[in-house]
Structures are given as C-alpha cells and as structure tokens.
Amino acid sequence: MNVHVPSEDQSDDSKNNLYEELEQIFNHFLKYHMKIQLGDLNAKVGQENIFKLTIGNESLHHDSNDNGDGIVNFIT
C-alpha cells in the first residue's frame, strides 16, 4: 500500500482521520502474512528508548516528530 501522510503543519484531526482510514484498509488484508506500507510518511522516528523494540537501534533522527509517533503507533 502506498500512502501520503499530511505534513507536520496540518491539523491533528486530518492526520488522525488518515490513520483511522489506514487501519480500516489494513484490516481488509488480514489474510496476508506480510503487509508493506510505502510512501511519503513525513515522519521522523527518533532514537528514543520507547521505540527500540519497534525500530531497533538505528535511526537517522535523534528525536521523533508527531508523524513519527503516529506511524509507530499505527504499525504496532
């Protein structure tokens, strides 16, 4: 699935609505063992300890932005 997430300066409501829609779409793919999401996520996932189990020890960013938090929450 290819997706474009609104940039950081967009309203939280528009981003939350997008993640709700993504979750509904992903729920239709339950029979597949692997799901791949690509696209422009406008996300920075940082090196915070809370994300280590999800993304590992490597990240290009030191700190996460709101979109980074959103995509990690969606994935988990």
C-alpha atoms as a PDB file:
ATOM      1  CA  MET A   1       0.000   0.000   0.000  1.00  0.00           C
ATOM      2  CA  ASN A   2       1.308   3.436  -0.877  1.00  0.00           C
ATOM      3  CA  VAL A   3       0.258   6.381   1.286  1.00  0.00           C
ATOM      4  CA  HIS A   4       0.987  10.092   1.717  1.00  0.00           C
ATOM      5  CA  VAL A   5       0.642  11.425   5.264  1.00  0.00           C
ATOM      6  CA  PRO A   6      -0.102  15.154   5.767  1.00  0.00           C
ATOM      7  CA  SER A   7       2.882  17.252   6.816  1.00  0.00           C
ATOM      8  CA  GLU A   8       3.539  18.312  10.405  1.00  0.00           C
ATOM      9  CA  ASP A   9       1.839  21.691   9.917  1.00  0.00           C
ATOM     10  CA  GLN A  10      -1.543  20.087   9.117  1.00  0.00           C
ATOM     11  CA  SER A  11      -4.187  19.683  11.800  1.00  0.00           C
ATOM     12  CA  ASP A  12      -4.069  16.728  14.163  1.00  0.00           C
ATOM     13  CA  ASP A  13      -7.621  15.874  13.109  1.00  0.00           C
ATOM     14  CA  SER A  14      -6.624  15.380   9.477  1.00  0.00           C
ATOM     15  CA  LYS A  15      -3.707  13.135  10.482  1.00  0.00           C
ATOM     16  CA  ASN A  16      -5.825  11.163  12.956  1.00  0.00           C
ATOM     17  CA  ASN A  17      -8.508  10.648  10.308  1.00  0.00           C
ATOM     18  CA  LEU A  18      -5.887   9.326   7.907  1.00  0.00           C
ATOM     19  CA  TYR A  19      -4.551   6.788  10.424  1.00  0.00           C
ATOM     20  CA  GLU A  20      -8.102   5.623  11.178  1.00  0.00           C
ATOM     21  CA  GLU A  21      -8.697   5.111   7.460  1.00  0.00           C
ATOM     22  CA  LEU A  22      -5.381   3.268   7.092  1.00  0.00           C
ATOM     23  CA  GLU A  23      -6.327   0.937   9.921  1.00  0.00           C
ATOM     24  CA  GLN A  24      -9.643   0.126   8.236  1.00  0.00           C
ATOM     25  CA  ILE A  25      -7.877  -0.609   4.941  1.00  0.00           C
ATOM     26  CA  PHE A  26      -5.210  -2.754   6.598  1.00  0.00           C
ATOM     27  CA  ASN A  27      -7.925  -4.754   8.369  1.00  0.00           C
ATOM     28  CA  HIS A  28      -9.112  -5.914   4.937  1.00  0.00           C
ATOM     29  CA  PHE A  29      -5.682  -7.501   4.360  1.00  0.00           C
ATOM     30  CA  LEU A  30      -5.846  -9.887   7.332  1.00  0.00           C
ATOM     31  CA  LYS A  31      -5.297 -12.999   5.234  1.00  0.00           C
ATOM     32  CA  TYR A  32      -1.820 -11.857   4.161  1.00  0.00           C
ATOM     33  CA  HIS A  33       1.219 -12.770   6.248  1.00  0.00           C
ATOM     34  CA  MET A  34       3.135  -9.649   5.304  1.00  0.00           C
ATOM     35  CA  LYS A  35       1.917  -6.120   4.746  1.00  0.00           C
ATOM     36  CA  ILE A  36       4.158  -3.446   3.266  1.00  0.00           C
ATOM     37  CA  GLN A  37       3.420   0.230   3.590  1.00  0.00           C
ATOM     38  CA  LEU A  38       5.385   2.657   1.437  1.00  0.00           C
ATOM     39  CA  GLY A  39       5.065   6.318   0.703  1.00  0.00           C
ATOM     40  CA  ASP A  40       5.764   9.790   1.953  1.00  0.00           C
ATOM     41  CA  LEU A  41       5.018   9.497   5.648  1.00  0.00           C
ATOM     42  CA  ASN A  42       6.508  12.892   6.620  1.00  0.00           C
ATOM     43  CA  ALA A  43       7.757  11.083   9.710  1.00  0.00           C
ATOM     44  CA  LYS A  44      10.896  11.272  11.778  1.00  0.00           C
ATOM     45  CA  VAL A  45      11.252   8.295  14.091  1.00  0.00           C
ATOM     46  CA  GLY A  46      13.950   9.062  16.598  1.00  0.00           C
ATOM     47  CA  GLN A  47      16.245   7.082  18.814  1.00  0.00           C
ATOM     48  CA  GLU A  48      14.051   7.286  21.904  1.00  0.00           C
ATOM     49  CA  ASN A  49      14.163   4.172  24.103  1.00  0.00           C
ATOM     50  CA  ILE A  50      10.411   3.640  23.766  1.00  0.00           C
ATOM     51  CA  PHE A  51      10.834   2.872  20.037  1.00  0.00           C
ATOM     52  CA  LYS A  52      13.811   0.481  20.321  1.00  0.00           C
ATOM     53  CA  LEU A  53      11.653  -2.670  20.186  1.00  0.00           C
ATOM     54  CA  THR A  54       9.873  -1.407  17.086  1.00  0.00           C
ATOM     55  CA  ILE A  55      12.640   0.156  15.001  1.00  0.00           C
ATOM     56  CA  GLY A  56      15.802  -1.203  16.589  1.00  0.00           C
ATOM     57  CA  ASN A  57      18.907   0.745  17.486  1.00  0.00           C
ATOM     58  CA  GLU A  58      19.341   2.608  14.213  1.00  0.00           C
ATOM     59  CA  SER A  59      17.558   5.762  13.140  1.00  0.00           C
ATOM     60  CA  LEU A  60      18.563   8.745  11.060  1.00  0.00           C
ATOM     61  CA  HIS A  61      16.868  11.084  13.526  1.00  0.00           C
ATOM     62  CA  HIS A  62      17.655  11.848  17.128  1.00  0.00           C
ATOM     63  CA  ASP A  63      14.108  12.909  18.067  1.00  0.00           C
ATOM     64  CA  SER A  64      10.727  11.873  16.695  1.00  0.00           C
ATOM     65  CA  ASN A  65       8.117  14.260  15.357  1.00  0.00           C
ATOM     66  CA  ASP A  66       4.325  13.827  15.698  1.00  0.00           C
ATOM     67  CA  ASN A  67       4.109  11.943  12.405  1.00  0.00           C
ATOM     68  CA  GLY A  68       6.854   9.604  13.599  1.00  0.00           C
ATOM     69  CA  ASP A  69       4.869   8.885  16.745  1.00  0.00           C
ATOM     70  CA  GLY A  70       1.770   8.339  14.639  1.00  0.00           C
ATOM     71  CA  ILE A  71       3.325   5.842  12.240  1.00  0.00           C
ATOM     72  CA  VAL A  72       4.958   3.823  15.045  1.00  0.00           C
ATOM     73  CA  ASN A  73       1.637   3.685  16.894  1.00  0.00           C
ATOM     74  CA  PHE A  74      -0.115   2.600  13.696  1.00  0.00           C
ATOM     75  CA  ILE A  75       2.426  -0.118  12.959  1.00  0.00           C
ATOM     76  CA  THR A  76       2.421  -1.531  16.466  1.00  0.00           C
END
